Structures are given as C-alpha cells and as structure tokens.
Amino acid sequence: MRKLVIPGELVSDNSKKAGQHVFVRDGKLYSDCIGLVNESYDSISVIPLEGPYIPNINDIVIGIIEQELFAGYVVNINSFYSGFIPKKNIDFFAKVGDLVSVKIASVNEVNEVDLDSPRILEDGELLEISPVKIPRVIGKEGSMLNILKKGTGCNILVGRNGRIWIKGGDVKLAFRLIKFIESQAHTENLTDRVTKIIEEAKNQSSNVLGE
C-alpha cells in the first residue's frame, strides 16, 4: 500500500532520487502536494490525488478550437492557459468547436503555450477525467491503455490534459472502465481488476447472444 503524504511532509532522506512533485530541502525530499508516494529503483515521486493540467513540452493533448485569429487558432487545452496553433502549422480547415490532438511545442516564462503537429479528431466521443489520473489510464509503457483498446475494440487517444477521445468498438464499456480507473487510481492491483471487468462484460455479452 502506497503511503499518503501531504504538502511539506518528508518523503525520503535520499535527495538524489528526486522525481515529480517532490522538492529538496537540506538533503531530504518533501512532497509538494497531497498524493501517494511512488518509489522505484532510481527515483521517488508523489502521485497527486487531484490537480489541474500544467503544460509540459512534448505532451500530446486534446484541444478544442475556441477562436480563429489572423495568424492562427486559440485552443482550449483544459488548463489555466490557452494554446495557440499558427496557421502555417496546420494543413486542414479548422473551425470553432473542432476537436484536435496537438503537441505542446513550447511554454514560455509567462505561460504562453505554442502547439504543433495538429490532427483533427472526427466523430468519436470525448471523455474528461482528472489530468493527474491520466498516467494510470496509460499504465507502465502503455500497458493499461493496451488492455483498454484490446478489451473494448475502441480506438482510444489519451491526452495528458485529462481528455480522452474514443471511437468505434464498445464505447460504453470504455467509458465505464476509464471512470473506474479514475476512481481507483490510488489503489493496488488495478490492472487485474480492470481485466476482470472486461472478462465479465464479455461473458455477459456471450450469454445474451446464446439465449
């Protein structure tokens, strides 16, 4: 069971293993948020239980076009800060309300966010969860996301900003599984429990078809 810590609480005496959401003081690590301690062989970090999306360079996020300007498009990226796509970087016609996947290209000192590699997301369904729970939806090296795709038959694109685009397959089951992961992100053996839900859903479907 991971240890729950609060801001300012001691996490470790080993400052060389500083990971995300910890800070170093007098050679020791302290948490900067309410979350769960996550320790590996080379780092110690804290997984926040709640929090907004903070843009990081190279993050893939899902945005919504909210304004067209002469030079480009203002994009809602589910953050305190809006993003901007220059028209020179976009090769399709976009309009207000369109859903796009984009990459965070840069974030300057006043938190202006430039976006790159835009791709329009047509049709599909959009689900929003807490951004801090996204790593659990993805899993180690994409393991949880692969289980979700295989178990539901859906095309799933996960944005680091808490937005998830789902198309095709059993969308209803995908929504159910992702919301379950969000609610249980702080618990152990999550992969096994998600796999069990998928198996039960498939068995129920087989029984209905067999009737």
C-alpha atoms as a PDB file:
ATOM      1  CA  MET A   1       0.000   0.000   0.000  1.00  0.00           C
ATOM      2  CA  ARG A   2       1.453   3.367  -1.050  1.00  0.00           C
ATOM      3  CA  LYS A   3       1.951   5.980   1.663  1.00  0.00           C
ATOM      4  CA  LEU A   4      -0.323   9.026   1.578  1.00  0.00           C
ATOM      5  CA  VAL A   5       1.510  12.329   2.134  1.00  0.00           C
ATOM      6  CA  ILE A   6       0.513  15.977   2.431  1.00  0.00           C
ATOM      7  CA  PRO A   7       2.385  19.106   1.245  1.00  0.00           C
ATOM      8  CA  GLY A   8       5.604  19.597   3.184  1.00  0.00           C
ATOM      9  CA  GLU A   9       5.700  16.054   4.532  1.00  0.00           C
ATOM     10  CA  LEU A  10       9.029  14.176   4.492  1.00  0.00           C
ATOM     11  CA  VAL A  11       9.166  11.608   1.682  1.00  0.00           C
ATOM     12  CA  SER A  12      12.781  10.398   1.745  1.00  0.00           C
ATOM     13  CA  ASP A  13      16.282  11.137   3.022  1.00  0.00           C
ATOM     14  CA  ASN A  14      17.727  10.426  -0.460  1.00  0.00           C
ATOM     15  CA  SER A  15      17.751  13.682  -2.429  1.00  0.00           C
ATOM     16  CA  LYS A  16      19.488  12.001  -5.397  1.00  0.00           C
ATOM     17  CA  LYS A  17      16.248  10.177  -6.268  1.00  0.00           C
ATOM     18  CA  ALA A  18      14.082  13.297  -6.630  1.00  0.00           C
ATOM     19  CA  GLY A  19      11.179  12.743  -9.020  1.00  0.00           C
ATOM     20  CA  GLN A  20       7.983  14.630  -9.773  1.00  0.00           C
ATOM     21  CA  HIS A  21       6.069  16.565  -7.101  1.00  0.00           C
ATOM     22  CA  VAL A  22       8.881  16.490  -4.555  1.00  0.00           C
ATOM     23  CA  PHE A  23      11.330  19.215  -3.552  1.00  0.00           C
ATOM     24  CA  VAL A  24      14.740  19.077  -1.878  1.00  0.00           C
ATOM     25  CA  ARG A  25      15.496  20.810   1.397  1.00  0.00           C
ATOM     26  CA  ASP A  26      18.623  20.156   3.489  1.00  0.00           C
ATOM     27  CA  GLY A  27      19.336  16.994   1.502  1.00  0.00           C
ATOM     28  CA  LYS A  28      15.890  15.493   2.049  1.00  0.00           C
ATOM     29  CA  LEU A  29      12.818  15.079  -0.156  1.00  0.00           C
ATOM     30  CA  TYR A  30       9.443  16.589   0.731  1.00  0.00           C
ATOM     31  CA  SER A  31       6.097  16.394  -1.026  1.00  0.00           C
ATOM     32  CA  ASP A  32       4.662  19.466  -2.759  1.00  0.00           C
ATOM     33  CA  CYS A  33       1.104  18.090  -2.922  1.00  0.00           C
ATOM     34  CA  ILE A  34      -1.397  15.672  -1.421  1.00  0.00           C
ATOM     35  CA  GLY A  35      -0.679  12.324  -3.022  1.00  0.00           C
ATOM     36  CA  LEU A  36       0.785   8.844  -2.905  1.00  0.00           C
ATOM     37  CA  VAL A  37       4.491   8.079  -2.678  1.00  0.00           C
ATOM     38  CA  ASN A  38       5.744   6.176  -5.723  1.00  0.00           C
ATOM     39  CA  GLU A  39       9.238   4.712  -5.349  1.00  0.00           C
ATOM     40  CA  SER A  40      11.284   2.892  -7.998  1.00  0.00           C
ATOM     41  CA  TYR A  41      14.927   1.840  -8.085  1.00  0.00           C
ATOM     42  CA  ASP A  42      16.078   5.212  -9.442  1.00  0.00           C
ATOM     43  CA  SER A  43      13.500   7.770  -8.300  1.00  0.00           C
ATOM     44  CA  ILE A  44      10.949   8.755  -5.683  1.00  0.00           C
ATOM     45  CA  SER A  45       7.938  10.808  -6.710  1.00  0.00           C
ATOM     46  CA  VAL A  46       4.475  11.668  -5.443  1.00  0.00           C
ATOM     47  CA  ILE A  47       1.359  10.912  -7.490  1.00  0.00           C
ATOM     48  CA  PRO A  48      -1.121  13.776  -6.877  1.00  0.00           C
ATOM     49  CA  LEU A  49      -4.677  12.832  -5.978  1.00  0.00           C
ATOM     50  CA  GLU A  50      -6.043  15.987  -7.616  1.00  0.00           C
ATOM     51  CA  GLY A  51      -4.749  18.898  -9.625  1.00  0.00           C
ATOM     52  CA  PRO A  52      -5.030  20.889 -12.870  1.00  0.00           C
ATOM     53  CA  TYR A  53      -3.165  20.179 -16.083  1.00  0.00           C
ATOM     54  CA  ILE A  54       0.171  22.015 -16.293  1.00  0.00           C
ATOM     55  CA  PRO A  55       1.504  22.066 -19.889  1.00  0.00           C
ATOM     56  CA  ASN A  56       4.812  20.303 -20.457  1.00  0.00           C
ATOM     57  CA  ILE A  57       6.829  20.326 -23.676  1.00  0.00           C
ATOM     58  CA  ASN A  58       6.161  17.290 -25.938  1.00  0.00           C
ATOM     59  CA  ASP A  59       2.913  16.366 -24.150  1.00  0.00           C
ATOM     60  CA  ILE A  60       0.194  15.163 -26.514  1.00  0.00           C
ATOM     61  CA  VAL A  61      -3.086  16.802 -25.525  1.00  0.00           C
ATOM     62  CA  ILE A  62      -6.619  17.044 -26.890  1.00  0.00           C
ATOM     63  CA  GLY A  63      -7.792  20.574 -27.531  1.00  0.00           C
ATOM     64  CA  ILE A  64     -10.904  22.383 -28.680  1.00  0.00           C
ATOM     65  CA  ILE A  65     -10.622  25.239 -31.189  1.00  0.00           C
ATOM     66  CA  GLU A  66     -12.189  28.231 -29.459  1.00  0.00           C
ATOM     67  CA  GLN A  67     -11.154  31.230 -31.570  1.00  0.00           C
ATOM     68  CA  GLU A  68      -9.743  31.956 -35.039  1.00  0.00           C
ATOM     69  CA  LEU A  69      -7.252  34.808 -35.378  1.00  0.00           C
ATOM     70  CA  PHE A  70      -5.445  36.145 -38.445  1.00  0.00           C
ATOM     71  CA  ALA A  71      -2.268  34.213 -37.640  1.00  0.00           C
ATOM     72  CA  GLY A  72      -3.737  31.067 -36.161  1.00  0.00           C
ATOM     73  CA  TYR A  73      -6.128  29.429 -33.723  1.00  0.00           C
ATOM     74  CA  VAL A  74      -6.606  29.763 -29.968  1.00  0.00           C
ATOM     75  CA  VAL A  75      -7.118  26.318 -28.463  1.00  0.00           C
ATOM     76  CA  ASN A  76      -8.675  25.312 -25.137  1.00  0.00           C
ATOM     77  CA  ILE A  77      -6.311  22.692 -23.689  1.00  0.00           C
ATOM     78  CA  ASN A  78      -8.136  22.154 -20.375  1.00  0.00           C
ATOM     79  CA  SER A  79      -5.628  24.262 -18.469  1.00  0.00           C
ATOM     80  CA  PHE A  80      -5.345  27.680 -16.871  1.00  0.00           C
ATOM     81  CA  TYR A  81      -3.569  28.610 -20.110  1.00  0.00           C
ATOM     82  CA  SER A  82      -4.808  28.502 -23.703  1.00  0.00           C
ATOM     83  CA  GLY A  83      -2.693  27.167 -26.542  1.00  0.00           C
ATOM     84  CA  PHE A  84      -2.021  28.639 -29.977  1.00  0.00           C
ATOM     85  CA  ILE A  85      -1.621  26.893 -33.337  1.00  0.00           C
ATOM     86  CA  PRO A  86      -0.040  29.042 -36.084  1.00  0.00           C
ATOM     87  CA  LYS A  87      -1.906  28.665 -39.375  1.00  0.00           C
ATOM     88  CA  LYS A  88       1.375  27.806 -41.061  1.00  0.00           C
ATOM     89  CA  ASN A  89       1.470  24.614 -38.953  1.00  0.00           C
ATOM     90  CA  ILE A  90      -1.997  23.395 -39.877  1.00  0.00           C
ATOM     91  CA  ASP A  91      -2.859  21.699 -43.184  1.00  0.00           C
ATOM     92  CA  PHE A  92      -6.642  21.412 -42.817  1.00  0.00           C
ATOM     93  CA  PHE A  93      -9.534  23.826 -42.474  1.00  0.00           C
ATOM     94  CA  ALA A  94     -10.449  24.270 -38.804  1.00  0.00           C
ATOM     95  CA  LYS A  95     -13.445  25.942 -37.237  1.00  0.00           C
ATOM     96  CA  VAL A  96     -14.501  26.891 -33.731  1.00  0.00           C
ATOM     97  CA  GLY A  97     -15.580  23.791 -31.791  1.00  0.00           C
ATOM     98  CA  ASP A  98     -13.374  21.341 -33.686  1.00  0.00           C
ATOM     99  CA  LEU A  99     -11.581  18.715 -31.623  1.00  0.00           C
ATOM    100  CA  VAL A 100      -7.853  18.336 -32.308  1.00  0.00           C
ATOM    101  CA  SER A 101      -4.899  16.416 -30.974  1.00  0.00           C
ATOM    102  CA  VAL A 102      -1.810  18.593 -30.650  1.00  0.00           C
ATOM    103  CA  LYS A 103       1.686  18.507 -29.173  1.00  0.00           C
ATOM    104  CA  ILE A 104       2.953  21.091 -26.680  1.00  0.00           C
ATOM    105  CA  ALA A 105       5.801  22.693 -28.648  1.00  0.00           C
ATOM    106  CA  SER A 106       6.861  25.338 -26.141  1.00  0.00           C
ATOM    107  CA  VAL A 107       5.853  27.085 -22.920  1.00  0.00           C
ATOM    108  CA  ASN A 108       7.413  30.467 -22.207  1.00  0.00           C
ATOM    109  CA  GLU A 109       8.008  32.339 -18.961  1.00  0.00           C
ATOM    110  CA  VAL A 110       4.524  33.890 -18.995  1.00  0.00           C
ATOM    111  CA  ASN A 111       2.899  30.518 -19.697  1.00  0.00           C
ATOM    112  CA  GLU A 112       2.071  31.159 -23.364  1.00  0.00           C
ATOM    113  CA  VAL A 113       1.698  27.737 -24.956  1.00  0.00           C
ATOM    114  CA  ASP A 114       2.582  27.089 -28.599  1.00  0.00           C
ATOM    115  CA  LEU A 115       1.138  23.953 -30.203  1.00  0.00           C
ATOM    116  CA  ASP A 116       2.346  21.794 -33.083  1.00  0.00           C
ATOM    117  CA  SER A 117       1.504  18.588 -35.010  1.00  0.00           C
ATOM    118  CA  PRO A 118      -2.271  19.270 -35.102  1.00  0.00           C
ATOM    119  CA  ARG A 119      -4.627  16.487 -36.184  1.00  0.00           C
ATOM    120  CA  ILE A 120      -8.380  16.850 -36.367  1.00  0.00           C
ATOM    121  CA  LEU A 121     -10.424  14.235 -34.488  1.00  0.00           C
ATOM    122  CA  GLU A 122     -13.588  13.457 -36.385  1.00  0.00           C
ATOM    123  CA  ASP A 123     -16.636  11.797 -34.863  1.00  0.00           C
ATOM    124  CA  GLY A 124     -15.904   9.737 -31.754  1.00  0.00           C
ATOM    125  CA  GLU A 125     -16.759  10.566 -28.145  1.00  0.00           C
ATOM    126  CA  LEU A 126     -14.914  12.777 -25.680  1.00  0.00           C
ATOM    127  CA  LEU A 127     -14.426  11.841 -22.022  1.00  0.00           C
ATOM    128  CA  GLU A 128     -12.809  14.130 -19.449  1.00  0.00           C
ATOM    129  CA  ILE A 129     -11.187  12.917 -16.228  1.00  0.00           C
ATOM    130  CA  SER A 130      -8.789  14.427 -13.696  1.00  0.00           C
ATOM    131  CA  PRO A 131      -5.452  15.076 -15.507  1.00  0.00           C
ATOM    132  CA  VAL A 132      -3.468  13.640 -12.603  1.00  0.00           C
ATOM    133  CA  LYS A 133      -5.166  10.256 -13.148  1.00  0.00           C
ATOM    134  CA  ILE A 134      -4.045  10.006 -16.789  1.00  0.00           C
ATOM    135  CA  PRO A 135      -0.805   8.092 -16.010  1.00  0.00           C
ATOM    136  CA  ARG A 136      -2.922   5.284 -14.509  1.00  0.00           C
ATOM    137  CA  VAL A 137      -5.078   5.139 -17.649  1.00  0.00           C
ATOM    138  CA  ILE A 138      -1.926   4.797 -19.740  1.00  0.00           C
ATOM    139  CA  GLY A 139      -0.085   2.426 -17.387  1.00  0.00           C
ATOM    140  CA  LYS A 140       3.583   1.472 -17.414  1.00  0.00           C
ATOM    141  CA  GLU A 141       4.840   1.583 -21.007  1.00  0.00           C
ATOM    142  CA  GLY A 142       1.227   1.845 -22.193  1.00  0.00           C
ATOM    143  CA  SER A 143       0.157  -1.440 -20.573  1.00  0.00           C
ATOM    144  CA  MET A 144      -3.228  -0.282 -19.242  1.00  0.00           C
ATOM    145  CA  LEU A 145      -4.089   1.563 -22.450  1.00  0.00           C
ATOM    146  CA  ASN A 146      -3.341  -1.561 -24.486  1.00  0.00           C
ATOM    147  CA  ILE A 147      -5.689  -3.576 -22.254  1.00  0.00           C
ATOM    148  CA  LEU A 148      -8.431  -0.974 -22.752  1.00  0.00           C
ATOM    149  CA  LYS A 149      -8.034  -0.950 -26.534  1.00  0.00           C
ATOM    150  CA  LYS A 150      -7.953  -4.730 -26.835  1.00  0.00           C
ATOM    151  CA  GLY A 151     -10.784  -5.305 -24.346  1.00  0.00           C
ATOM    152  CA  THR A 152     -13.165  -2.774 -25.892  1.00  0.00           C
ATOM    153  CA  GLY A 153     -12.139  -2.774 -29.554  1.00  0.00           C
ATOM    154  CA  CYS A 154     -12.060   1.025 -29.415  1.00  0.00           C
ATOM    155  CA  ASN A 155      -9.643   3.478 -30.940  1.00  0.00           C
ATOM    156  CA  ILE A 156      -8.539   5.442 -27.861  1.00  0.00           C
ATOM    157  CA  LEU A 157      -6.395   8.576 -27.809  1.00  0.00           C
ATOM    158  CA  VAL A 158      -5.368   9.737 -24.337  1.00  0.00           C
ATOM    159  CA  GLY A 159      -4.404  13.370 -23.859  1.00  0.00           C
ATOM    160  CA  ARG A 160      -2.144  14.323 -20.972  1.00  0.00           C
ATOM    161  CA  ASN A 161      -4.594  17.127 -20.192  1.00  0.00           C
ATOM    162  CA  GLY A 162      -7.307  14.749 -18.971  1.00  0.00           C
ATOM    163  CA  ARG A 163      -9.235  14.467 -22.239  1.00  0.00           C
ATOM    164  CA  ILE A 164      -9.731  11.082 -23.845  1.00  0.00           C
ATOM    165  CA  TRP A 165     -11.115  10.562 -27.374  1.00  0.00           C
ATOM    166  CA  ILE A 166     -12.835   7.237 -28.064  1.00  0.00           C
ATOM    167  CA  LYS A 167     -14.147   5.964 -31.394  1.00  0.00           C
ATOM    168  CA  GLY A 168     -15.597   2.633 -32.537  1.00  0.00           C
ATOM    169  CA  GLY A 169     -15.912  -0.586 -30.541  1.00  0.00           C
ATOM    170  CA  ASP A 170     -17.727  -0.775 -27.217  1.00  0.00           C
ATOM    171  CA  VAL A 171     -17.602   2.899 -26.257  1.00  0.00           C
ATOM    172  CA  LYS A 172     -19.946   2.393 -23.296  1.00  0.00           C
ATOM    173  CA  LEU A 173     -17.592  -0.213 -21.772  1.00  0.00           C
ATOM    174  CA  ALA A 174     -14.577   2.004 -22.437  1.00  0.00           C
ATOM    175  CA  PHE A 175     -16.227   4.892 -20.564  1.00  0.00           C
ATOM    176  CA  ARG A 176     -17.084   2.575 -17.676  1.00  0.00           C
ATOM    177  CA  LEU A 177     -13.523   1.220 -17.427  1.00  0.00           C
ATOM    178  CA  ILE A 178     -11.850   4.621 -17.603  1.00  0.00           C
ATOM    179  CA  LYS A 179     -14.121   6.097 -14.931  1.00  0.00           C
ATOM    180  CA  PHE A 180     -13.347   3.051 -12.778  1.00  0.00           C
ATOM    181  CA  ILE A 181      -9.618   3.619 -13.228  1.00  0.00           C
ATOM    182  CA  GLU A 182     -10.063   7.291 -12.320  1.00  0.00           C
ATOM    183  CA  SER A 183     -11.908   6.426  -9.104  1.00  0.00           C
ATOM    184  CA  GLN A 184      -9.457   3.679  -8.130  1.00  0.00           C
ATOM    185  CA  ALA A 185      -6.199   5.270  -9.327  1.00  0.00           C
ATOM    186  CA  HIS A 186      -4.789   5.326  -5.786  1.00  0.00           C
ATOM    187  CA  THR A 187      -5.266   1.575  -5.228  1.00  0.00           C
ATOM    188  CA  GLU A 188      -3.205  -1.536  -5.946  1.00  0.00           C
ATOM    189  CA  ASN A 189      -3.844  -4.403  -8.411  1.00  0.00           C
ATOM    190  CA  LEU A 190      -5.791  -2.087 -10.698  1.00  0.00           C
ATOM    191  CA  THR A 191      -4.765  -3.901 -13.883  1.00  0.00           C
ATOM    192  CA  ASP A 192      -6.138  -7.211 -12.605  1.00  0.00           C
ATOM    193  CA  ARG A 193      -9.450  -5.643 -11.621  1.00  0.00           C
ATOM    194  CA  VAL A 194      -9.854  -3.900 -14.973  1.00  0.00           C
ATOM    195  CA  THR A 195      -9.117  -7.164 -16.772  1.00  0.00           C
ATOM    196  CA  LYS A 196     -11.745  -8.909 -14.647  1.00  0.00           C
ATOM    197  CA  ILE A 197     -14.388  -6.311 -15.554  1.00  0.00           C
ATOM    198  CA  ILE A 198     -13.613  -6.812 -19.255  1.00  0.00           C
ATOM    199  CA  GLU A 199     -13.897 -10.597 -18.913  1.00  0.00           C
ATOM    200  CA  GLU A 200     -17.214 -10.307 -17.064  1.00  0.00           C
ATOM    201  CA  ALA A 201     -18.575  -7.948 -19.723  1.00  0.00           C
ATOM    202  CA  LYS A 202     -17.588 -10.360 -22.481  1.00  0.00           C
ATOM    203  CA  ASN A 203     -19.188 -13.290 -20.637  1.00  0.00           C
ATOM    204  CA  GLN A 204     -22.431 -11.345 -20.188  1.00  0.00           C
ATOM    205  CA  SER A 205     -22.443 -10.489 -23.885  1.00  0.00           C
ATOM    206  CA  SER A 206     -21.842 -14.129 -24.839  1.00  0.00           C
ATOM    207  CA  ASN A 207     -24.691 -15.256 -22.594  1.00  0.00           C
ATOM    208  CA  VAL A 208     -27.094 -12.771 -24.160  1.00  0.00           C
ATOM    209  CA  LEU A 209     -26.158 -13.874 -27.661  1.00  0.00           C
ATOM    210  CA  GLY A 210     -26.533 -17.513 -26.666  1.00  0.00           C
ATOM    211  CA  GLU A 211     -30.072 -17.073 -25.397  1.00  0.00           C
END
